[in-house]
Amino acid sequence: MIPLFNKVLPLLIKMLPLFIKMLPLFFKVLPLLIKMLPLFIKMLPLFFKVLPLLIKMLPLFIMQLPLFIKMLPLFFKVLPLFIKMLPL
């Protein structure tokens, strides 16, 4: 436990300024999060209903990933053309 703590402590000290910087943002977002909590709680049962399906689909998604990564450059090539055509 102590060796792990010795490894983590410098990292925590390093991240402290960033943490302090993010605090005001956290307090800005907090009221919104509190507002959304009832909706989140309402959606939980639906999430657990869909979860088994998502887990089933995961291998399929992983199989398609290399193809998706391969197609990305093409997508970014075509995207500007598509945006140009939008006003028409």
C-alpha atoms as a PDB file:
ATOM      1  CA  MET A   1       0.000   0.000   0.000  1.00  0.00           C
ATOM      2  CA  ILE A   2       2.744   2.473   0.959  1.00  0.00           C
ATOM      3  CA  PRO A   3       4.805   1.970  -2.248  1.00  0.00           C
ATOM      4  CA  LEU A   4       1.664   2.641  -4.278  1.00  0.00           C
ATOM      5  CA  PHE A   5       0.962   5.748  -2.218  1.00  0.00           C
ATOM      6  CA  ASN A   6       4.531   6.948  -2.838  1.00  0.00           C
ATOM      7  CA  LYS A   7       3.967   6.566  -6.587  1.00  0.00           C
ATOM      8  CA  VAL A   8       0.605   8.316  -6.547  1.00  0.00           C
ATOM      9  CA  LEU A   9       1.457  11.219  -4.253  1.00  0.00           C
ATOM     10  CA  PRO A  10       3.697  13.124  -6.716  1.00  0.00           C
ATOM     11  CA  LEU A  11       1.031  12.734  -9.362  1.00  0.00           C
ATOM     12  CA  LEU A  12      -1.634  14.098  -7.007  1.00  0.00           C
ATOM     13  CA  ILE A  13       0.562  17.068  -6.132  1.00  0.00           C
ATOM     14  CA  LYS A  14       1.133  17.700  -9.843  1.00  0.00           C
ATOM     15  CA  MET A  15      -2.617  17.661 -10.540  1.00  0.00           C
ATOM     16  CA  LEU A  16      -3.561  19.929  -7.644  1.00  0.00           C
ATOM     17  CA  PRO A  17      -3.327  23.229  -9.594  1.00  0.00           C
ATOM     18  CA  LEU A  18      -5.538  21.803 -12.330  1.00  0.00           C
ATOM     19  CA  PHE A  19      -8.025  20.599  -9.739  1.00  0.00           C
ATOM     20  CA  ILE A  20      -8.139  24.062  -8.129  1.00  0.00           C
ATOM     21  CA  LYS A  21      -8.578  25.635 -11.574  1.00  0.00           C
ATOM     22  CA  MET A  22     -11.545  23.353 -12.329  1.00  0.00           C
ATOM     23  CA  LEU A  23     -13.375  24.016  -9.053  1.00  0.00           C
ATOM     24  CA  PRO A  24     -15.237  27.164 -10.210  1.00  0.00           C
ATOM     25  CA  LEU A  25     -16.424  25.302 -13.301  1.00  0.00           C
ATOM     26  CA  PHE A  26     -17.622  22.455 -11.112  1.00  0.00           C
ATOM     27  CA  PHE A  27     -19.698  24.836  -8.995  1.00  0.00           C
ATOM     28  CA  LYS A  28     -21.119  26.421 -12.156  1.00  0.00           C
ATOM     29  CA  VAL A  29     -22.256  23.031 -13.449  1.00  0.00           C
ATOM     30  CA  LEU A  30     -23.432  21.695 -10.087  1.00  0.00           C
ATOM     31  CA  PRO A  31     -26.915  23.319 -10.148  1.00  0.00           C
ATOM     32  CA  LEU A  32     -27.509  21.907 -13.605  1.00  0.00           C
ATOM     33  CA  LEU A  33     -26.441  18.447 -12.432  1.00  0.00           C
ATOM     34  CA  ILE A  34     -28.797  18.663  -9.464  1.00  0.00           C
ATOM     35  CA  LYS A  35     -31.615  19.709 -11.812  1.00  0.00           C
ATOM     36  CA  MET A  36     -30.948  16.747 -14.080  1.00  0.00           C
ATOM     37  CA  LEU A  37     -30.751  14.190 -11.279  1.00  0.00           C
ATOM     38  CA  PRO A  38     -34.474  13.248 -11.312  1.00  0.00           C
ATOM     39  CA  LEU A  39     -34.312  12.669 -15.065  1.00  0.00           C
ATOM     40  CA  PHE A  40     -31.182  10.580 -14.625  1.00  0.00           C
ATOM     41  CA  ILE A  41     -32.881   8.453 -11.959  1.00  0.00           C
ATOM     42  CA  LYS A  42     -35.916   8.048 -14.227  1.00  0.00           C
ATOM     43  CA  MET A  43     -33.710   6.819 -17.076  1.00  0.00           C
ATOM     44  CA  LEU A  44     -31.801   4.252 -14.996  1.00  0.00           C
ATOM     45  CA  PRO A  45     -34.298   1.381 -15.438  1.00  0.00           C
ATOM     46  CA  LEU A  46     -34.227   1.933 -19.195  1.00  0.00           C
ATOM     47  CA  PHE A  47     -30.434   1.868 -19.126  1.00  0.00           C
ATOM     48  CA  PHE A  48     -30.446  -1.490 -17.343  1.00  0.00           C
ATOM     49  CA  LYS A  49     -32.969  -2.839 -19.859  1.00  0.00           C
ATOM     50  CA  VAL A  50     -30.727  -1.850 -22.772  1.00  0.00           C
ATOM     51  CA  LEU A  51     -27.449  -2.862 -21.127  1.00  0.00           C
ATOM     52  CA  PRO A  52     -27.618  -6.603 -22.011  1.00  0.00           C
ATOM     53  CA  LEU A  53     -28.231  -5.673 -25.639  1.00  0.00           C
ATOM     54  CA  LEU A  54     -25.255  -3.299 -25.607  1.00  0.00           C
ATOM     55  CA  ILE A  55     -23.057  -6.014 -24.114  1.00  0.00           C
ATOM     56  CA  LYS A  56     -24.219  -8.442 -26.820  1.00  0.00           C
ATOM     57  CA  MET A  57     -23.386  -5.918 -29.539  1.00  0.00           C
ATOM     58  CA  LEU A  58     -19.938  -5.087 -28.204  1.00  0.00           C
ATOM     59  CA  PRO A  59     -18.059  -7.853 -30.102  1.00  0.00           C
ATOM     60  CA  LEU A  60     -19.760  -6.776 -33.316  1.00  0.00           C
ATOM     61  CA  PHE A  61     -18.771  -3.169 -32.664  1.00  0.00           C
ATOM     62  CA  ILE A  62     -15.149  -4.185 -31.986  1.00  0.00           C
ATOM     63  CA  MET A  63     -15.084  -6.191 -35.227  1.00  0.00           C
ATOM     64  CA  GLN A  64     -16.233  -3.146 -37.212  1.00  0.00           C
ATOM     65  CA  LEU A  65     -13.763  -0.794 -35.575  1.00  0.00           C
ATOM     66  CA  PRO A  66     -10.802  -1.385 -37.974  1.00  0.00           C
ATOM     67  CA  LEU A  67     -13.049  -0.699 -40.956  1.00  0.00           C
ATOM     68  CA  PHE A  68     -14.403   2.417 -39.277  1.00  0.00           C
ATOM     69  CA  ILE A  69     -10.868   3.706 -38.607  1.00  0.00           C
ATOM     70  CA  LYS A  70      -9.937   2.967 -42.232  1.00  0.00           C
ATOM     71  CA  MET A  71     -12.927   4.976 -43.491  1.00  0.00           C
ATOM     72  CA  LEU A  72     -12.293   8.024 -41.316  1.00  0.00           C
ATOM     73  CA  PRO A  73      -9.875   9.786 -43.705  1.00  0.00           C
ATOM     74  CA  LEU A  74     -12.383   9.355 -46.523  1.00  0.00           C
ATOM     75  CA  PHE A  75     -15.124  10.775 -44.321  1.00  0.00           C
ATOM     76  CA  PHE A  76     -13.084  13.910 -43.615  1.00  0.00           C
ATOM     77  CA  LYS A  77     -12.303  14.256 -47.332  1.00  0.00           C
ATOM     78  CA  VAL A  78     -15.992  14.151 -48.248  1.00  0.00           C
ATOM     79  CA  LEU A  79     -17.244  16.250 -45.345  1.00  0.00           C
ATOM     80  CA  PRO A  80     -16.267  19.671 -46.795  1.00  0.00           C
ATOM     81  CA  LEU A  81     -17.978  18.758 -50.070  1.00  0.00           C
ATOM     82  CA  PHE A  82     -21.109  17.758 -48.216  1.00  0.00           C
ATOM     83  CA  ILE A  83     -21.104  21.001 -46.220  1.00  0.00           C
ATOM     84  CA  LYS A  84     -20.728  22.989 -49.465  1.00  0.00           C
ATOM     85  CA  MET A  85     -23.793  21.251 -50.899  1.00  0.00           C
ATOM     86  CA  LEU A  86     -25.975  21.905 -47.859  1.00  0.00           C
ATOM     87  CA  PRO A  87     -27.268  25.355 -48.883  1.00  0.00           C
ATOM     88  CA  LEU A  88     -28.585  23.844 -52.144  1.00  0.00           C
END
